[in-house]
Amino acid sequence: MPINAGPEYFLAEKKYLEARTKEEKIEALKEMIRTIPKHKGTEKQLALLKKRLAKLKSQKSIKAKSKPKFSIRKLGAAQVCIIGLTNSGKSSLLKALTGKDVEIADYPYTTKEANVGMMTFGDVQIQLIEIPSTFALESMSILHTCDGIVALLDAKNPDEQRKELTRIIKERNLSDKKILFVVNKSDLNIESNYLKVSAKEKIGLEELKEKIWYNLDLIRVYTKSPGKPKKIPPITLPRGSTVRDVASIVHKDFIKDFKFARIFNNTKFSGIHVGLDYKLNDLDIIEIHIV
């Protein structure tokens, strides 16, 4: 559960997650132990930090350039984390969007570690990760490297839950992330101004998939050879990418030998000839011609 620590604690926690040597981790842990609030609700977390510190001190010093111990390799077009307070329906939503068989129960903290599934959107795959409501140090580290966050709210008290999640997001220095607030359990017919879904009844899932995709600010670009159909899957790129970006991905010599490209889409300009600096749109099909 949230420990209601101050900014000094979360700054030390960030230093711990980013540390690359044993010495850096030890100093960060000492600072976390010093700044964590001392009350009954933090006893377990404090004990865990002290245990981790003792273990580090007993280890031999090594030069480390690896990533934090807890990480999930990114797969697909993007990696999106699902966060929410306990019983908000994160596991149900992950299962509804990806088909992943996860443990679901009507009691707090069913999920003890991150669950991962792949969501299909059109011709691309997006990796979804359910973050446990315990907001443990290890699982929270994924949020710093993911591409987007779905913040799930229970329909019974969405405003209160948003306030609490916003506090956690701010404390963990995640305010710069692309965050999409979504209300689950919309089958309860509770009024809300948020995007509403029901993981249980599979209501609003397609709209949510679209929102997740557009919140990532990416585009899908298909490539094709003259006289042949487009290739699947598409290349995914940041919005604002150009023909030059695609050419550099397809083949190292395409920019050097570039003559022109043809762009096919559902507009009246489909088939036009363009240069390397042409900005691409979502679902464009590009046919590159070289000398």
Protein backbone atom coordinates (compact mmCIF):
# COMPACT_ATOMS: atom_id res chain seq x y z
CA MET A 1 0.00 0.00 0.00
CA PRO A 2 1.21 3.62 -0.44
CA ILE A 3 3.55 4.65 2.38
CA ASN A 4 2.84 8.40 2.18
CA ALA A 5 6.53 9.28 2.13
CA GLY A 6 7.91 12.69 1.32
CA PRO A 7 9.80 13.80 -1.82
CA GLU A 8 13.22 13.04 -0.25
CA TYR A 9 12.34 9.35 0.02
CA PHE A 10 11.16 9.05 -3.59
CA LEU A 11 14.22 10.94 -4.84
CA ALA A 12 16.41 8.41 -3.00
CA GLU A 13 14.30 5.58 -4.45
CA LYS A 14 14.87 6.95 -7.96
CA LYS A 15 18.62 7.06 -7.31
CA TYR A 16 18.47 3.43 -6.16
CA LEU A 17 16.66 2.32 -9.33
CA GLU A 18 19.17 4.14 -11.52
CA ALA A 19 22.27 3.04 -9.57
CA ARG A 20 24.85 1.01 -11.49
CA THR A 21 27.24 0.05 -8.68
CA LYS A 22 26.87 -1.58 -5.29
CA GLU A 23 28.19 1.54 -3.57
CA GLU A 24 25.60 3.76 -5.27
CA LYS A 25 22.81 1.37 -4.25
CA ILE A 26 24.02 1.30 -0.63
CA GLU A 27 24.04 5.09 -0.37
CA ALA A 28 20.57 5.33 -1.90
CA LEU A 29 19.19 2.65 0.45
CA LYS A 30 20.64 4.45 3.47
CA GLU A 31 18.88 7.61 2.37
CA MET A 32 15.60 5.72 1.85
CA ILE A 33 15.85 4.21 5.34
CA ARG A 34 16.59 7.64 6.80
CA THR A 35 13.69 9.42 5.09
CA ILE A 36 10.93 6.78 5.17
CA PRO A 37 8.14 7.67 7.66
CA LYS A 38 8.46 5.60 10.82
CA HIS A 39 5.01 4.21 11.68
CA LYS A 40 3.14 0.89 11.75
CA GLY A 41 2.19 1.10 8.07
CA THR A 42 5.85 1.21 6.94
CA GLU A 43 7.27 -1.50 9.24
CA LYS A 44 7.40 -4.18 6.53
CA GLN A 45 8.87 -1.81 3.93
CA LEU A 46 11.49 -0.57 6.39
CA ALA A 47 12.45 -4.15 7.28
CA LEU A 48 12.74 -5.00 3.58
CA LEU A 49 15.01 -2.00 2.95
CA LYS A 50 17.27 -2.93 5.90
CA LYS A 51 17.47 -6.53 4.69
CA ARG A 52 18.37 -5.37 1.20
CA LEU A 53 21.04 -3.05 2.62
CA ALA A 54 22.58 -5.82 4.71
CA LYS A 55 22.67 -8.15 1.72
CA LEU A 56 24.40 -5.54 -0.44
CA LYS A 57 27.00 -4.82 2.23
CA SER A 58 27.85 -8.52 2.44
CA GLN A 59 28.48 -8.78 -1.30
CA LYS A 60 31.80 -8.20 -3.00
CA SER A 61 32.10 -4.99 -4.96
CA ILE A 62 31.54 -5.42 -8.70
CA LYS A 63 31.51 -3.02 -11.59
CA ALA A 64 27.94 -3.02 -12.84
CA LYS A 65 26.61 -1.56 -16.04
CA SER A 66 23.46 -3.62 -16.16
CA LYS A 67 19.89 -2.40 -15.91
CA PRO A 68 17.97 -2.58 -12.61
CA LYS A 69 17.45 -6.18 -11.48
CA PHE A 70 13.74 -6.14 -12.17
CA SER A 71 12.91 -5.47 -15.81
CA ILE A 72 10.71 -6.80 -18.58
CA ARG A 73 12.07 -6.90 -22.12
CA LYS A 74 10.03 -4.70 -24.44
CA LEU A 75 8.16 -6.54 -27.18
CA GLY A 76 5.87 -5.30 -29.94
CA ALA A 77 5.33 -1.73 -31.04
CA ALA A 78 5.23 -0.29 -27.51
CA GLN A 79 5.13 -1.16 -23.82
CA VAL A 80 2.18 0.15 -21.77
CA CYS A 81 1.70 -0.32 -18.02
CA ILE A 82 -1.69 -0.64 -16.29
CA ILE A 83 -1.81 0.82 -12.80
CA GLY A 84 -4.65 1.23 -10.32
CA LEU A 85 -5.61 0.85 -6.70
CA THR A 86 -6.55 -2.57 -5.38
CA ASN A 87 -9.68 -4.19 -6.88
CA SER A 88 -9.93 -1.63 -9.68
CA GLY A 89 -10.00 -4.49 -12.19
CA LYS A 90 -6.48 -4.42 -13.65
CA SER A 91 -6.22 -8.20 -14.04
CA SER A 92 -9.67 -8.38 -15.64
CA LEU A 93 -8.76 -5.62 -18.07
CA LEU A 94 -5.44 -7.26 -18.99
CA LYS A 95 -7.26 -10.53 -19.67
CA ALA A 96 -9.99 -8.81 -21.71
CA LEU A 97 -7.49 -6.89 -23.87
CA THR A 98 -4.90 -9.64 -24.38
CA GLY A 99 -6.55 -12.98 -23.60
CA LYS A 100 -3.82 -13.62 -20.99
CA ASP A 101 -5.03 -16.05 -18.30
CA VAL A 102 -4.37 -14.23 -15.02
CA GLU A 103 -5.54 -14.79 -11.46
CA ILE A 104 -8.65 -12.74 -10.70
CA ALA A 105 -10.32 -12.58 -7.29
CA ASP A 106 -12.56 -10.22 -5.35
CA TYR A 107 -10.12 -9.46 -2.56
CA PRO A 108 -7.25 -6.98 -2.19
CA TYR A 109 -3.78 -7.50 -3.66
CA THR A 110 -4.48 -10.62 -5.72
CA THR A 111 -1.62 -9.69 -8.07
CA LYS A 112 1.75 -10.06 -6.33
CA GLU A 113 3.99 -9.49 -9.36
CA ALA A 114 3.70 -7.90 -12.79
CA ASN A 115 1.56 -9.73 -15.36
CA VAL A 116 2.37 -9.37 -19.06
CA GLY A 117 0.24 -9.85 -22.18
CA MET A 118 0.20 -8.78 -25.83
CA MET A 119 -2.70 -6.67 -27.16
CA THR A 120 -3.48 -6.71 -30.87
CA PHE A 121 -4.37 -3.37 -32.46
CA GLY A 122 -4.81 -3.61 -36.21
CA ASP A 123 -1.61 -5.17 -37.52
CA VAL A 124 0.56 -4.28 -34.51
CA GLN A 125 1.14 -5.80 -31.07
CA ILE A 126 1.34 -3.69 -27.92
CA GLN A 127 2.80 -5.13 -24.73
CA LEU A 128 0.61 -4.55 -21.66
CA ILE A 129 2.00 -4.93 -18.14
CA GLU A 130 -0.19 -5.00 -15.04
CA ILE A 131 1.58 -3.33 -12.11
CA PRO A 132 0.58 -4.72 -8.66
CA SER A 133 -1.37 -2.37 -6.40
CA THR A 134 1.30 -2.79 -3.73
CA PHE A 135 3.38 -0.31 -5.79
CA ALA A 136 6.52 -2.20 -4.74
CA LEU A 137 9.91 -0.73 -5.59
CA GLU A 138 10.83 -3.36 -8.18
CA SER A 139 7.60 -3.28 -10.19
CA MET A 140 7.39 0.51 -10.09
CA SER A 141 10.78 0.67 -11.85
CA ILE A 142 9.11 -0.55 -15.06
CA LEU A 143 7.02 2.61 -15.16
CA HIS A 144 10.15 4.72 -15.71
CA THR A 145 10.99 2.90 -18.96
CA CYS A 146 7.55 2.10 -20.42
CA ASP A 147 6.03 4.08 -23.31
CA GLY A 148 2.66 4.84 -21.74
CA ILE A 149 0.44 4.27 -18.69
CA VAL A 150 -3.23 3.32 -18.35
CA ALA A 151 -4.46 4.50 -14.94
CA LEU A 152 -7.52 2.40 -14.10
CA LEU A 153 -10.20 3.83 -11.79
CA ASP A 154 -13.09 2.05 -10.09
CA ALA A 155 -16.46 3.46 -11.24
CA LYS A 156 -17.68 3.82 -7.64
CA ASN A 157 -15.23 6.61 -6.72
CA PRO A 158 -13.15 7.60 -9.77
CA ASP A 159 -12.30 11.14 -8.67
CA GLU A 160 -10.90 10.02 -5.32
CA GLN A 161 -8.88 7.26 -6.98
CA ARG A 162 -7.53 9.63 -9.62
CA LYS A 163 -6.38 11.99 -6.88
CA GLU A 164 -4.53 9.16 -5.11
CA LEU A 165 -2.95 7.81 -8.32
CA THR A 166 -1.91 11.31 -9.36
CA ARG A 167 -0.18 11.71 -6.00
CA ILE A 168 1.70 8.43 -6.48
CA ILE A 169 2.63 9.35 -10.06
CA LYS A 170 3.98 12.72 -8.92
CA GLU A 171 5.90 11.23 -6.00
CA ARG A 172 7.54 8.65 -8.27
CA ASN A 173 8.62 11.32 -10.80
CA LEU A 174 6.37 9.94 -13.54
CA SER A 175 4.45 13.10 -14.42
CA ASP A 176 6.16 13.31 -17.83
CA LYS A 177 4.68 9.96 -18.92
CA LYS A 178 1.75 9.66 -21.35
CA ILE A 179 -1.09 8.75 -18.95
CA LEU A 180 -4.62 7.69 -19.93
CA PHE A 181 -7.22 7.67 -17.13
CA VAL A 182 -9.94 5.05 -17.64
CA VAL A 183 -12.96 4.07 -15.53
CA ASN A 184 -13.66 0.35 -15.24
CA LYS A 185 -16.93 -1.38 -14.29
CA SER A 186 -19.04 0.96 -16.43
CA ASP A 187 -21.71 -1.79 -16.40
CA LEU A 188 -22.68 -0.33 -13.02
CA ASN A 189 -24.25 2.60 -14.93
CA ILE A 190 -22.50 5.21 -12.82
CA GLU A 191 -22.15 8.67 -14.39
CA SER A 192 -18.60 9.67 -15.25
CA ASN A 193 -16.80 12.02 -17.63
CA TYR A 194 -13.93 9.58 -18.13
CA LEU A 195 -13.45 7.02 -20.88
CA LYS A 196 -15.57 4.14 -19.58
CA VAL A 197 -15.05 0.41 -20.10
CA SER A 198 -16.20 -2.83 -18.55
CA ALA A 199 -13.60 -5.57 -18.58
CA LYS A 200 -16.18 -8.01 -17.25
CA GLU A 201 -18.83 -7.28 -19.88
CA LYS A 202 -16.29 -6.39 -22.60
CA ILE A 203 -17.77 -2.93 -23.09
CA GLY A 204 -15.69 -0.14 -24.69
CA LEU A 205 -12.60 -2.28 -25.26
CA GLU A 206 -12.13 -1.38 -28.92
CA GLU A 207 -12.38 2.33 -28.14
CA LEU A 208 -9.85 1.84 -25.34
CA LYS A 209 -7.44 0.11 -27.73
CA GLU A 210 -7.66 3.12 -30.06
CA LYS A 211 -7.10 5.53 -27.17
CA ILE A 212 -4.06 3.57 -25.99
CA TRP A 213 -2.59 3.65 -29.50
CA TYR A 214 -3.15 7.37 -30.11
CA ASN A 215 -1.91 8.21 -26.61
CA LEU A 216 1.44 6.68 -27.61
CA ASP A 217 1.76 9.27 -30.41
CA LEU A 218 2.97 6.66 -32.91
CA ILE A 219 2.12 5.95 -36.55
CA ARG A 220 1.96 2.72 -38.57
CA VAL A 221 3.64 2.81 -41.97
CA TYR A 222 3.44 -0.08 -44.42
CA THR A 223 6.08 -0.69 -47.07
CA LYS A 224 5.57 -2.27 -50.49
CA SER A 225 7.45 -3.11 -53.67
CA PRO A 226 6.09 -1.96 -57.06
CA GLY A 227 3.24 -4.19 -58.24
CA LYS A 228 3.08 -6.08 -54.91
CA PRO A 229 0.80 -5.83 -51.84
CA LYS A 230 1.84 -4.02 -48.67
CA LYS A 231 4.01 -5.87 -46.18
CA ILE A 232 2.64 -6.82 -42.77
CA PRO A 233 3.38 -5.95 -39.98
CA PRO A 234 3.90 -2.22 -40.50
CA ILE A 235 6.84 -0.21 -39.25
CA THR A 236 5.95 1.83 -36.15
CA LEU A 237 7.45 5.31 -35.83
CA PRO A 238 7.00 8.47 -33.75
CA ARG A 239 4.40 10.86 -35.16
CA GLY A 240 6.13 13.36 -37.43
CA SER A 241 8.50 10.80 -38.96
CA THR A 242 9.51 11.15 -42.61
CA VAL A 243 10.25 9.03 -45.67
CA ARG A 244 13.92 9.37 -44.72
CA ASP A 245 13.25 7.60 -41.41
CA VAL A 246 11.58 4.66 -43.14
CA ALA A 247 14.26 4.43 -45.82
CA SER A 248 17.00 4.25 -43.19
CA ILE A 249 15.19 1.35 -41.51
CA VAL A 250 14.42 -0.65 -44.65
CA HIS A 251 17.95 -0.64 -46.14
CA LYS A 252 21.18 1.21 -45.38
CA ASP A 253 21.65 2.18 -49.06
CA PHE A 254 18.12 3.47 -49.69
CA ILE A 255 18.90 7.05 -48.69
CA LYS A 256 22.09 7.18 -50.79
CA ASP A 257 20.34 5.67 -53.84
CA PHE A 258 16.95 7.31 -53.26
CA LYS A 259 15.08 8.56 -56.35
CA PHE A 260 11.52 9.16 -55.07
CA ALA A 261 8.77 7.49 -53.04
CA ARG A 262 5.09 6.96 -53.74
CA ILE A 263 2.59 7.28 -50.92
CA PHE A 264 -0.67 5.35 -51.00
CA ASN A 265 -3.56 6.08 -48.62
CA ASN A 266 -7.29 6.72 -48.59
CA THR A 267 -7.05 10.36 -49.71
CA LYS A 268 -7.42 11.92 -53.16
CA PHE A 269 -3.63 12.35 -53.23
CA SER A 270 -2.95 8.60 -53.05
CA GLY A 271 -0.06 7.60 -55.30
CA ILE A 272 1.76 10.96 -55.24
CA HIS A 273 5.55 11.16 -55.65
CA VAL A 274 7.35 12.58 -52.61
CA GLY A 275 10.90 13.20 -51.37
CA LEU A 276 12.83 12.13 -48.29
CA ASP A 277 11.50 14.94 -46.10
CA TYR A 278 7.81 14.11 -46.65
CA LYS A 279 6.02 13.66 -43.29
CA LEU A 280 4.12 10.41 -43.06
CA ASN A 281 0.67 9.78 -41.59
CA ASP A 282 -0.77 6.81 -39.75
CA LEU A 283 -1.56 3.88 -42.12
CA ASP A 284 0.36 5.35 -45.05
CA ILE A 285 1.78 2.82 -47.52
CA ILE A 286 5.20 3.75 -48.90
CA GLU A 287 6.82 2.47 -52.07
CA ILE A 288 10.47 3.54 -52.32
CA HIS A 289 12.15 3.85 -55.73
CA ILE A 290 15.93 3.94 -56.07
CA VAL A 291 18.30 4.71 -58.95
